[in-house]
Amino acid sequence: MIRINLLPFRVARKKENIRRQISIFFLLIILTIVALFWYTSVMNKQLLIITEKTKQVNFQISQYKEKADRVARIKKDLKVLEEKLEIVSSLKKQRREQLILFDGMTDLIVPERMWLESFQTNENSVMIKGIAFDNPTIAEFMEKLEKSSFFNKIDLKTAKIKNFKDGVILKSFELLCSKKKSEEEKQENSK
């Protein structure tokens, strides 16, 4: 029988298998590196795109923020202006009311028996400080105030004796008067 030695062929085949496995291993390493490089480049492109969009959005935000700040300042200025206009209109209204009130007070004062020192008004009341010769003069003045169309309640806060120069003794008084509502105020309240 003929004997054939297959050992060198098996050794050659083993060497070929080892070379093939080593080449497949290095090929897989190279493919993995290429895939990682490609993935990194794609991620870098997306990162650059997102960074650019973020810069654009931040720029737009800064522009809109400036505009929003300007609008906020304008609204604030407008509110201040409206408050000032409201104050001016209330002052005009009060000026007319004060003029009518002061003009009417000249008729209510007891002539040559008293005079007024101060006259303070607000929306609902009037504080009158004055000097009179005696208590009946103060009482007469209070009666005139009650009968007038300006006030509906008169309270005597104080009535004190006051010494002036040359031994003259007079009565100092303070009155708190509640204003009657005018027809315009009644109409405004009914609205």
N, C-alpha and C. Protein backbone atom coordinates (compact mmCIF):
# COMPACT_ATOMS: atom_id res chain seq x y z
N MET A 1 0.82 -1.15 0.00
CA MET A 1 0.00 0.00 0.00
C MET A 1 0.88 1.23 0.00
N ILE A 2 0.35 2.20 -0.59
CA ILE A 2 1.15 3.40 -0.76
C ILE A 2 0.79 4.34 0.40
N ARG A 3 1.82 4.83 0.96
CA ARG A 3 1.59 5.76 2.07
C ARG A 3 1.87 7.17 1.59
N ILE A 4 0.93 8.03 1.93
CA ILE A 4 1.09 9.45 1.55
C ILE A 4 1.20 10.24 2.86
N ASN A 5 2.18 11.07 2.91
CA ASN A 5 2.39 11.90 4.11
C ASN A 5 1.61 13.20 3.94
N LEU A 6 0.59 13.36 4.71
CA LEU A 6 -0.27 14.55 4.63
C LEU A 6 0.11 15.57 5.68
N LEU A 7 1.07 15.35 6.47
CA LEU A 7 1.45 16.27 7.52
C LEU A 7 1.86 17.64 6.98
N PRO A 8 2.73 17.71 5.98
CA PRO A 8 3.07 19.05 5.52
C PRO A 8 1.84 19.80 5.01
N PHE A 9 0.92 19.09 4.43
CA PHE A 9 -0.29 19.75 3.95
C PHE A 9 -1.11 20.26 5.12
N ARG A 10 -1.21 19.49 6.19
CA ARG A 10 -1.96 19.91 7.38
C ARG A 10 -1.26 21.07 8.05
N VAL A 11 -0.01 21.06 8.10
CA VAL A 11 0.75 22.17 8.70
C VAL A 11 0.53 23.42 7.85
N ALA A 12 0.58 23.24 6.53
CA ALA A 12 0.36 24.39 5.64
C ALA A 12 -1.06 24.92 5.81
N ARG A 13 -2.01 24.01 5.98
CA ARG A 13 -3.38 24.42 6.15
C ARG A 13 -3.54 25.16 7.49
N LYS A 14 -2.90 24.69 8.54
CA LYS A 14 -2.97 25.36 9.83
C LYS A 14 -2.37 26.75 9.73
N LYS A 15 -1.24 26.86 9.05
CA LYS A 15 -0.61 28.18 8.89
C LYS A 15 -1.54 29.12 8.11
N GLU A 16 -2.18 28.56 7.09
CA GLU A 16 -3.10 29.38 6.30
C GLU A 16 -4.29 29.82 7.16
N ASN A 17 -4.82 28.96 7.99
CA ASN A 17 -5.93 29.33 8.88
C ASN A 17 -5.50 30.41 9.89
N ILE A 18 -4.30 30.29 10.40
CA ILE A 18 -3.79 31.29 11.35
C ILE A 18 -3.63 32.63 10.64
N ARG A 19 -3.09 32.63 9.43
CA ARG A 19 -2.94 33.89 8.67
C ARG A 19 -4.31 34.51 8.39
N ARG A 20 -5.26 33.67 8.02
CA ARG A 20 -6.60 34.16 7.71
C ARG A 20 -7.23 34.77 8.97
N GLN A 21 -7.12 34.14 10.12
CA GLN A 21 -7.69 34.66 11.35
C GLN A 21 -7.01 35.97 11.76
N ILE A 22 -5.67 36.03 11.59
CA ILE A 22 -4.95 37.27 11.92
C ILE A 22 -5.38 38.39 10.97
N SER A 23 -5.52 38.07 9.69
CA SER A 23 -5.92 39.11 8.74
C SER A 23 -7.37 39.55 9.01
N ILE A 24 -8.25 38.62 9.37
CA ILE A 24 -9.63 38.98 9.71
C ILE A 24 -9.64 39.86 10.97
N PHE A 25 -8.79 39.50 11.95
CA PHE A 25 -8.70 40.29 13.18
C PHE A 25 -8.27 41.73 12.89
N PHE A 26 -7.17 41.85 12.07
CA PHE A 26 -6.70 43.21 11.73
C PHE A 26 -7.71 43.95 10.86
N LEU A 27 -8.38 43.23 9.99
CA LEU A 27 -9.41 43.85 9.16
C LEU A 27 -10.56 44.36 10.04
N LEU A 28 -10.97 43.59 11.04
CA LEU A 28 -12.03 44.04 11.95
C LEU A 28 -11.58 45.26 12.76
N ILE A 29 -10.33 45.26 13.20
CA ILE A 29 -9.81 46.43 13.91
C ILE A 29 -9.83 47.65 13.01
N ILE A 30 -9.38 47.49 11.76
CA ILE A 30 -9.38 48.62 10.81
C ILE A 30 -10.81 49.08 10.54
N LEU A 31 -11.74 48.16 10.33
CA LEU A 31 -13.14 48.54 10.09
C LEU A 31 -13.74 49.25 11.32
N THR A 32 -13.39 48.77 12.51
CA THR A 32 -13.88 49.42 13.74
C THR A 32 -13.33 50.84 13.83
N ILE A 33 -12.06 51.02 13.53
CA ILE A 33 -11.46 52.37 13.56
C ILE A 33 -12.12 53.26 12.54
N VAL A 34 -12.33 52.74 11.32
CA VAL A 34 -13.00 53.54 10.28
C VAL A 34 -14.42 53.90 10.71
N ALA A 35 -15.15 52.93 11.29
CA ALA A 35 -16.52 53.20 11.74
C ALA A 35 -16.54 54.24 12.85
N LEU A 36 -15.59 54.14 13.80
CA LEU A 36 -15.51 55.13 14.87
C LEU A 36 -15.15 56.51 14.32
N PHE A 37 -14.23 56.55 13.37
CA PHE A 37 -13.86 57.82 12.75
C PHE A 37 -15.07 58.45 12.05
N TRP A 38 -15.79 57.61 11.28
CA TRP A 38 -16.97 58.11 10.58
C TRP A 38 -18.02 58.60 11.58
N TYR A 39 -18.31 57.84 12.65
CA TYR A 39 -19.28 58.23 13.67
C TYR A 39 -18.87 59.52 14.37
N THR A 40 -17.57 59.65 14.66
CA THR A 40 -17.07 60.88 15.29
C THR A 40 -17.24 62.07 14.36
N SER A 41 -16.94 61.90 13.09
CA SER A 41 -17.09 63.02 12.16
C SER A 41 -18.56 63.42 12.01
N VAL A 42 -19.46 62.44 11.98
CA VAL A 42 -20.90 62.76 11.90
C VAL A 42 -21.34 63.50 13.15
N MET A 43 -20.91 63.06 14.32
CA MET A 43 -21.27 63.72 15.57
C MET A 43 -20.69 65.14 15.62
N ASN A 44 -19.45 65.31 15.13
CA ASN A 44 -18.84 66.65 15.11
C ASN A 44 -19.62 67.60 14.20
N LYS A 45 -20.07 67.09 13.04
CA LYS A 45 -20.87 67.92 12.14
C LYS A 45 -22.18 68.33 12.83
N GLN A 46 -22.85 67.37 13.48
CA GLN A 46 -24.09 67.68 14.17
C GLN A 46 -23.84 68.66 15.32
N LEU A 47 -22.74 68.47 16.03
CA LEU A 47 -22.38 69.37 17.12
C LEU A 47 -22.13 70.78 16.59
N LEU A 48 -21.43 70.89 15.45
CA LEU A 48 -21.20 72.20 14.84
C LEU A 48 -22.52 72.85 14.41
N ILE A 49 -23.41 72.06 13.83
CA ILE A 49 -24.70 72.59 13.39
C ILE A 49 -25.50 73.07 14.61
N ILE A 50 -25.52 72.27 15.65
CA ILE A 50 -26.27 72.64 16.86
C ILE A 50 -25.63 73.87 17.52
N THR A 51 -24.31 73.94 17.55
CA THR A 51 -23.62 75.10 18.11
C THR A 51 -23.95 76.36 17.33
N GLU A 52 -23.97 76.24 16.01
CA GLU A 52 -24.30 77.39 15.16
C GLU A 52 -25.74 77.84 15.38
N LYS A 53 -26.65 76.87 15.47
CA LYS A 53 -28.06 77.22 15.73
C LYS A 53 -28.21 77.86 17.10
N THR A 54 -27.45 77.35 18.08
CA THR A 54 -27.50 77.94 19.42
C THR A 54 -27.02 79.38 19.40
N LYS A 55 -25.95 79.64 18.65
CA LYS A 55 -25.45 81.02 18.53
C LYS A 55 -26.50 81.92 17.89
N GLN A 56 -27.15 81.41 16.83
CA GLN A 56 -28.19 82.20 16.17
C GLN A 56 -29.36 82.47 17.11
N VAL A 57 -29.77 81.45 17.85
CA VAL A 57 -30.89 81.61 18.78
C VAL A 57 -30.51 82.59 19.89
N ASN A 58 -29.29 82.48 20.41
CA ASN A 58 -28.85 83.42 21.45
C ASN A 58 -28.79 84.85 20.92
N PHE A 59 -28.36 85.01 19.67
CA PHE A 59 -28.34 86.34 19.06
C PHE A 59 -29.75 86.89 18.93
N GLN A 60 -30.68 86.04 18.48
CA GLN A 60 -32.07 86.47 18.35
C GLN A 60 -32.67 86.78 19.73
N ILE A 61 -32.31 85.97 20.72
CA ILE A 61 -32.80 86.22 22.07
C ILE A 61 -32.31 87.57 22.56
N SER A 62 -31.04 87.88 22.31
CA SER A 62 -30.51 89.17 22.75
C SER A 62 -31.22 90.32 22.04
N GLN A 63 -31.49 90.14 20.74
CA GLN A 63 -32.22 91.19 20.01
C GLN A 63 -33.63 91.36 20.58
N TYR A 64 -34.32 90.25 20.79
CA TYR A 64 -35.69 90.33 21.31
C TYR A 64 -35.71 90.82 22.75
N LYS A 65 -34.67 90.48 23.51
CA LYS A 65 -34.59 90.95 24.89
C LYS A 65 -34.46 92.47 24.92
N GLU A 66 -33.64 93.01 24.02
CA GLU A 66 -33.51 94.48 23.93
C GLU A 66 -34.86 95.10 23.59
N LYS A 67 -35.55 94.49 22.64
CA LYS A 67 -36.86 95.02 22.25
C LYS A 67 -37.86 94.89 23.41
N ALA A 68 -37.82 93.74 24.10
CA ALA A 68 -38.73 93.53 25.23
C ALA A 68 -38.43 94.52 26.35
N ASP A 69 -37.14 94.78 26.60
CA ASP A 69 -36.78 95.77 27.62
C ASP A 69 -37.27 97.15 27.23
N ARG A 70 -37.14 97.47 25.95
CA ARG A 70 -37.61 98.77 25.48
C ARG A 70 -39.13 98.88 25.62
N VAL A 71 -39.83 97.79 25.29
CA VAL A 71 -41.29 97.78 25.44
C VAL A 71 -41.67 97.92 26.91
N ALA A 72 -40.92 97.23 27.79
CA ALA A 72 -41.20 97.32 29.23
C ALA A 72 -40.98 98.75 29.72
N ARG A 73 -39.90 99.39 29.25
CA ARG A 73 -39.66 100.79 29.65
C ARG A 73 -40.76 101.70 29.13
N ILE A 74 -41.20 101.46 27.90
CA ILE A 74 -42.27 102.29 27.33
C ILE A 74 -43.55 102.09 28.13
N LYS A 75 -43.86 100.83 28.49
CA LYS A 75 -45.07 100.58 29.30
C LYS A 75 -44.97 101.27 30.65
N LYS A 76 -43.79 101.21 31.26
CA LYS A 76 -43.59 101.86 32.55
C LYS A 76 -43.76 103.37 32.42
N ASP A 77 -43.15 103.95 31.37
CA ASP A 77 -43.29 105.39 31.15
C ASP A 77 -44.74 105.75 30.87
N LEU A 78 -45.43 104.88 30.14
CA LEU A 78 -46.84 105.14 29.83
C LEU A 78 -47.68 105.10 31.11
N LYS A 79 -47.38 104.16 31.98
CA LYS A 79 -48.10 104.06 33.24
C LYS A 79 -47.87 105.31 34.09
N VAL A 80 -46.60 105.75 34.15
CA VAL A 80 -46.28 106.97 34.90
C VAL A 80 -47.00 108.16 34.30
N LEU A 81 -47.02 108.23 32.97
CA LEU A 81 -47.70 109.33 32.30
C LEU A 81 -49.20 109.31 32.57
N GLU A 82 -49.80 108.11 32.55
CA GLU A 82 -51.24 108.01 32.85
C GLU A 82 -51.53 108.45 34.28
N GLU A 83 -50.65 108.08 35.21
CA GLU A 83 -50.83 108.51 36.60
C GLU A 83 -50.73 110.03 36.70
N LYS A 84 -49.78 110.61 35.98
CA LYS A 84 -49.63 112.07 36.01
C LYS A 84 -50.86 112.75 35.40
N LEU A 85 -51.36 112.18 34.31
CA LEU A 85 -52.57 112.76 33.69
C LEU A 85 -53.76 112.65 34.64
N GLU A 86 -53.84 111.54 35.35
CA GLU A 86 -54.93 111.37 36.31
C GLU A 86 -54.80 112.39 37.43
N ILE A 87 -53.58 112.62 37.89
CA ILE A 87 -53.35 113.62 38.94
C ILE A 87 -53.73 115.01 38.44
N VAL A 88 -53.33 115.31 37.19
CA VAL A 88 -53.65 116.62 36.62
C VAL A 88 -55.16 116.80 36.52
N SER A 89 -55.86 115.76 36.05
CA SER A 89 -57.31 115.90 35.92
C SER A 89 -57.97 116.04 37.30
N SER A 90 -57.46 115.30 38.29
CA SER A 90 -58.05 115.44 39.63
C SER A 90 -57.73 116.82 40.21
N LEU A 91 -56.53 117.34 39.91
CA LEU A 91 -56.19 118.69 40.39
C LEU A 91 -57.08 119.75 39.73
N LYS A 92 -57.35 119.56 38.44
CA LYS A 92 -58.25 120.50 37.77
C LYS A 92 -59.64 120.47 38.40
N LYS A 93 -60.10 119.24 38.68
CA LYS A 93 -61.42 119.09 39.29
C LYS A 93 -61.43 119.71 40.69
N GLN A 94 -60.38 119.42 41.46
CA GLN A 94 -60.30 119.95 42.81
C GLN A 94 -60.13 121.46 42.79
N ARG A 95 -59.41 121.97 41.82
CA ARG A 95 -59.22 123.42 41.74
C ARG A 95 -60.56 124.12 41.56
N ARG A 96 -61.39 123.58 40.70
CA ARG A 96 -62.70 124.17 40.49
C ARG A 96 -63.54 124.08 41.75
N GLU A 97 -63.49 122.89 42.40
CA GLU A 97 -64.23 122.72 43.65
C GLU A 97 -63.71 123.67 44.73
N GLN A 98 -62.40 123.81 44.82
CA GLN A 98 -61.80 124.69 45.82
C GLN A 98 -62.19 126.15 45.56
N LEU A 99 -62.19 126.52 44.31
CA LEU A 99 -62.57 127.89 43.96
C LEU A 99 -64.01 128.17 44.39
N ILE A 100 -64.90 127.24 44.11
CA ILE A 100 -66.30 127.41 44.51
C ILE A 100 -66.41 127.45 46.03
N LEU A 101 -65.65 126.58 46.69
CA LEU A 101 -65.69 126.51 48.15
C LEU A 101 -65.14 127.81 48.76
N PHE A 102 -64.00 128.27 48.28
CA PHE A 102 -63.42 129.52 48.82
C PHE A 102 -64.33 130.71 48.55
N ASP A 103 -64.91 130.73 47.36
CA ASP A 103 -65.81 131.83 47.04
C ASP A 103 -67.04 131.81 47.96
N GLY A 104 -67.54 130.61 48.25
CA GLY A 104 -68.70 130.50 49.14
C GLY A 104 -68.36 130.82 50.59
N MET A 105 -67.11 130.59 51.00
CA MET A 105 -66.72 130.85 52.38
C MET A 105 -66.78 132.34 52.73
N THR A 106 -66.57 133.19 51.75
CA THR A 106 -66.60 134.63 52.04
C THR A 106 -67.98 135.06 52.51
N ASP A 107 -69.03 134.40 52.03
CA ASP A 107 -70.38 134.73 52.46
C ASP A 107 -70.72 134.14 53.83
N LEU A 108 -70.00 133.10 54.25
CA LEU A 108 -70.31 132.41 55.49
C LEU A 108 -69.60 133.02 56.71
N ILE A 109 -68.52 133.72 56.49
CA ILE A 109 -67.76 134.30 57.61
C ILE A 109 -68.57 135.43 58.24
N VAL A 110 -68.54 135.48 59.57
CA VAL A 110 -69.21 136.55 60.30
C VAL A 110 -68.33 137.80 60.15
N PRO A 111 -68.81 138.83 59.46
CA PRO A 111 -67.94 139.98 59.17
C PRO A 111 -67.53 140.74 60.44
N GLU A 112 -66.30 141.16 60.47
CA GLU A 112 -65.68 141.98 61.51
C GLU A 112 -65.72 141.34 62.89
N ARG A 113 -66.05 140.05 62.99
CA ARG A 113 -66.08 139.36 64.28
C ARG A 113 -65.16 138.12 64.29
N MET A 114 -64.69 137.73 63.12
CA MET A 114 -63.83 136.55 63.04
C MET A 114 -63.00 136.59 61.77
N TRP A 115 -61.95 135.79 61.74
CA TRP A 115 -61.16 135.60 60.53
C TRP A 115 -60.57 134.19 60.54
N LEU A 116 -60.22 133.73 59.35
CA LEU A 116 -59.70 132.37 59.22
C LEU A 116 -58.18 132.40 59.17
N GLU A 117 -57.54 131.43 59.85
CA GLU A 117 -56.08 131.31 59.82
C GLU A 117 -55.62 130.28 58.80
N SER A 118 -56.32 129.14 58.75
CA SER A 118 -55.94 128.13 57.77
C SER A 118 -57.18 127.38 57.31
N PHE A 119 -57.02 126.79 56.15
CA PHE A 119 -58.12 126.13 55.49
C PHE A 119 -57.52 124.94 54.75
N GLN A 120 -57.72 123.72 55.27
CA GLN A 120 -57.15 122.52 54.66
C GLN A 120 -58.27 121.63 54.16
N THR A 121 -58.13 121.19 52.92
CA THR A 121 -59.18 120.34 52.35
C THR A 121 -58.58 119.03 51.85
N ASN A 122 -59.41 118.01 51.84
CA ASN A 122 -59.11 116.76 51.14
C ASN A 122 -60.38 116.33 50.45
N GLU A 123 -60.46 115.09 50.02
CA GLU A 123 -61.62 114.65 49.24
C GLU A 123 -62.94 114.77 49.99
N ASN A 124 -62.94 114.40 51.26
CA ASN A 124 -64.22 114.30 51.97
C ASN A 124 -64.41 115.32 53.08
N SER A 125 -63.36 116.02 53.49
CA SER A 125 -63.51 116.92 54.64
C SER A 125 -62.68 118.18 54.47
N VAL A 126 -62.99 119.14 55.35
CA VAL A 126 -62.29 120.43 55.38
C VAL A 126 -61.98 120.74 56.83
N MET A 127 -60.74 121.11 57.10
CA MET A 127 -60.33 121.54 58.45
C MET A 127 -60.18 123.06 58.40
N ILE A 128 -60.97 123.74 59.22
CA ILE A 128 -60.96 125.20 59.26
C ILE A 128 -60.41 125.63 60.62
N LYS A 129 -59.38 126.46 60.60
CA LYS A 129 -58.83 127.04 61.83
C LYS A 129 -59.02 128.55 61.72
N GLY A 130 -59.49 129.11 62.83
CA GLY A 130 -59.73 130.55 62.80
C GLY A 130 -59.74 131.15 64.19
N ILE A 131 -59.97 132.46 64.21
CA ILE A 131 -60.02 133.21 65.46
C ILE A 131 -61.29 134.05 65.43
N ALA A 132 -62.00 134.05 66.59
CA ALA A 132 -63.24 134.83 66.71
C ALA A 132 -63.19 135.62 68.01
N PHE A 133 -64.08 136.61 68.12
CA PHE A 133 -64.12 137.41 69.34
C PHE A 133 -64.70 136.62 70.52
N ASP A 134 -65.71 135.75 70.22
CA ASP A 134 -66.34 135.05 71.32
C ASP A 134 -67.00 133.76 70.82
N ASN A 135 -67.57 133.01 71.77
CA ASN A 135 -68.22 131.73 71.43
C ASN A 135 -69.47 131.91 70.56
N PRO A 136 -70.32 132.93 70.82
CA PRO A 136 -71.49 133.09 69.95
C PRO A 136 -71.12 133.33 68.48
N THR A 137 -69.99 133.96 68.23
CA THR A 137 -69.54 134.18 66.85
C THR A 137 -69.19 132.84 66.21
N ILE A 138 -68.50 131.98 66.97
CA ILE A 138 -68.17 130.64 66.46
C ILE A 138 -69.45 129.85 66.20
N ALA A 139 -70.40 129.94 67.10
CA ALA A 139 -71.67 129.21 66.93
C ALA A 139 -72.42 129.71 65.70
N GLU A 140 -72.43 131.03 65.50
CA GLU A 140 -73.10 131.59 64.32
C GLU A 140 -72.42 131.11 63.03
N PHE A 141 -71.09 131.08 63.04
CA PHE A 141 -70.34 130.60 61.88
C PHE A 141 -70.66 129.12 61.60
N MET A 142 -70.74 128.31 62.66
CA MET A 142 -71.07 126.90 62.49
C MET A 142 -72.48 126.72 61.93
N GLU A 143 -73.43 127.54 62.38
CA GLU A 143 -74.80 127.47 61.85
C GLU A 143 -74.82 127.81 60.37
N LYS A 144 -74.08 128.83 59.99
CA LYS A 144 -74.01 129.21 58.58
C LYS A 144 -73.41 128.08 57.74
N LEU A 145 -72.38 127.42 58.31
CA LEU A 145 -71.76 126.31 57.58
C LEU A 145 -72.75 125.15 57.40
N GLU A 146 -73.54 124.85 58.44
CA GLU A 146 -74.51 123.77 58.35
C GLU A 146 -75.60 124.07 57.33
N LYS A 147 -75.99 125.33 57.23
CA LYS A 147 -77.05 125.73 56.29
C LYS A 147 -76.52 125.83 54.86
N SER A 148 -75.22 125.89 54.70
CA SER A 148 -74.64 126.06 53.36
C SER A 148 -74.81 124.77 52.55
N SER A 149 -74.60 124.88 51.26
CA SER A 149 -74.72 123.71 50.37
C SER A 149 -73.40 122.95 50.25
N PHE A 150 -72.38 123.38 50.99
CA PHE A 150 -71.06 122.75 50.88
C PHE A 150 -70.85 121.62 51.89
N PHE A 151 -71.43 121.74 53.08
CA PHE A 151 -71.12 120.81 54.15
C PHE A 151 -72.39 120.17 54.70
N ASN A 152 -72.24 118.94 55.20
CA ASN A 152 -73.39 118.29 55.81
C ASN A 152 -73.17 117.95 57.28
N LYS A 153 -71.93 118.02 57.76
CA LYS A 153 -71.66 117.74 59.17
C LYS A 153 -70.51 118.63 59.62
N ILE A 154 -70.73 119.38 60.72
CA ILE A 154 -69.72 120.28 61.26
C ILE A 154 -69.41 119.85 62.69
N ASP A 155 -68.11 119.62 62.98
CA ASP A 155 -67.69 119.25 64.33
C ASP A 155 -66.71 120.30 64.84
N LEU A 156 -66.96 120.77 66.06
CA LEU A 156 -66.04 121.69 66.71
C LEU A 156 -64.97 120.85 67.40
N LYS A 157 -63.75 120.90 66.90
CA LYS A 157 -62.66 120.11 67.49
C LYS A 157 -62.11 120.79 68.74
N THR A 158 -61.74 122.05 68.61
CA THR A 158 -61.21 122.77 69.77
C THR A 158 -61.70 124.21 69.74
N ALA A 159 -61.80 124.78 70.92
CA ALA A 159 -62.09 126.20 71.08
C ALA A 159 -61.29 126.65 72.31
N LYS A 160 -60.24 127.43 72.09
CA LYS A 160 -59.35 127.83 73.17
C LYS A 160 -59.27 129.34 73.26
N ILE A 161 -59.01 129.80 74.47
CA ILE A 161 -58.79 131.23 74.67
C ILE A 161 -57.34 131.51 74.32
N LYS A 162 -57.13 132.60 73.57
CA LYS A 162 -55.78 132.93 73.14
C LYS A 162 -55.49 134.39 73.48
N ASN A 163 -54.36 134.62 74.09
CA ASN A 163 -53.95 135.99 74.43
C ASN A 163 -53.07 136.53 73.32
N PHE A 164 -53.40 137.74 72.88
CA PHE A 164 -52.61 138.41 71.86
C PHE A 164 -51.93 139.62 72.47
N LYS A 165 -51.26 140.38 71.64
CA LYS A 165 -50.57 141.60 72.11
C LYS A 165 -51.56 142.56 72.75
N ASP A 166 -51.06 143.36 73.62
CA ASP A 166 -51.82 144.40 74.30
C ASP A 166 -52.98 143.84 75.12
N GLY A 167 -52.88 142.57 75.55
CA GLY A 167 -53.87 141.97 76.43
C GLY A 167 -55.19 141.64 75.78
N VAL A 168 -55.24 141.55 74.43
CA VAL A 168 -56.47 141.21 73.73
C VAL A 168 -56.69 139.70 73.85
N ILE A 169 -57.88 139.33 74.31
CA ILE A 169 -58.20 137.92 74.48
C ILE A 169 -59.23 137.55 73.42
N LEU A 170 -58.89 136.53 72.61
CA LEU A 170 -59.77 136.06 71.54
C LEU A 170 -59.92 134.54 71.65
N LYS A 171 -60.86 133.99 70.89
CA LYS A 171 -61.10 132.55 70.87
C LYS A 171 -60.50 131.95 69.60
N SER A 172 -59.63 130.95 69.78
CA SER A 172 -59.07 130.19 68.66
C SER A 172 -59.90 128.92 68.52
N PHE A 173 -60.26 128.55 67.28
CA PHE A 173 -61.11 127.37 67.10
C PHE A 173 -60.64 126.54 65.90
N GLU A 174 -61.04 125.29 65.95
CA GLU A 174 -60.81 124.36 64.84
C GLU A 174 -62.11 123.63 64.56
N LEU A 175 -62.50 123.61 63.29
CA LEU A 175 -63.71 122.93 62.87
C LEU A 175 -63.35 121.86 61.84
N LEU A 176 -63.97 120.70 61.97
CA LEU A 176 -63.83 119.64 60.97
C LEU A 176 -65.18 119.49 60.28
N CYS A 177 -65.19 119.76 59.00
CA CYS A 177 -66.44 119.76 58.24
C CYS A 177 -66.41 118.65 57.19
N SER A 178 -67.51 117.91 57.08
CA SER A 178 -67.64 116.88 56.04
C SER A 178 -68.29 117.50 54.83
N LYS A 179 -67.68 117.29 53.66
CA LYS A 179 -68.22 117.88 52.42
C LYS A 179 -69.45 117.12 51.95
N LYS A 180 -70.37 117.88 51.36
CA LYS A 180 -71.49 117.25 50.67
C LYS A 180 -70.99 116.86 49.28
N LYS A 181 -71.52 115.78 48.77
CA LYS A 181 -71.12 115.35 47.42
C LYS A 181 -71.83 116.22 46.40
N SER A 182 -71.06 116.66 45.40
CA SER A 182 -71.65 117.46 44.34
C SER A 182 -72.43 116.55 43.40
N GLU A 183 -73.20 117.16 42.53
CA GLU A 183 -74.01 116.40 41.58
C GLU A 183 -73.12 115.57 40.65
N GLU A 184 -71.96 116.12 40.25
CA GLU A 184 -71.04 115.39 39.37
C GLU A 184 -70.51 114.14 40.07
N GLU A 185 -70.16 114.26 41.35
CA GLU A 185 -69.65 113.10 42.10
C GLU A 185 -70.73 112.05 42.25
N LYS A 186 -71.96 112.48 42.50
CA LYS A 186 -73.05 111.52 42.62
C LYS A 186 -73.26 110.77 41.31
N GLN A 187 -73.15 111.47 40.18
CA GLN A 187 -73.31 110.83 38.88
C GLN A 187 -72.16 109.86 38.62
N GLU A 188 -70.94 110.25 38.98
CA GLU A 188 -69.79 109.38 38.77
C GLU A 188 -69.90 108.12 39.64
N ASN A 189 -70.37 108.26 40.88
CA ASN A 189 -70.52 107.11 41.76
C ASN A 189 -71.62 106.17 41.28
N SER A 190 -72.67 106.73 40.68
CA SER A 190 -73.76 105.90 40.20
C SER A 190 -73.38 105.11 38.96
N LYS A 191 -72.36 105.58 38.24
CA LYS A 191 -71.89 104.86 37.05
C LYS A 191 -71.16 103.65 37.50
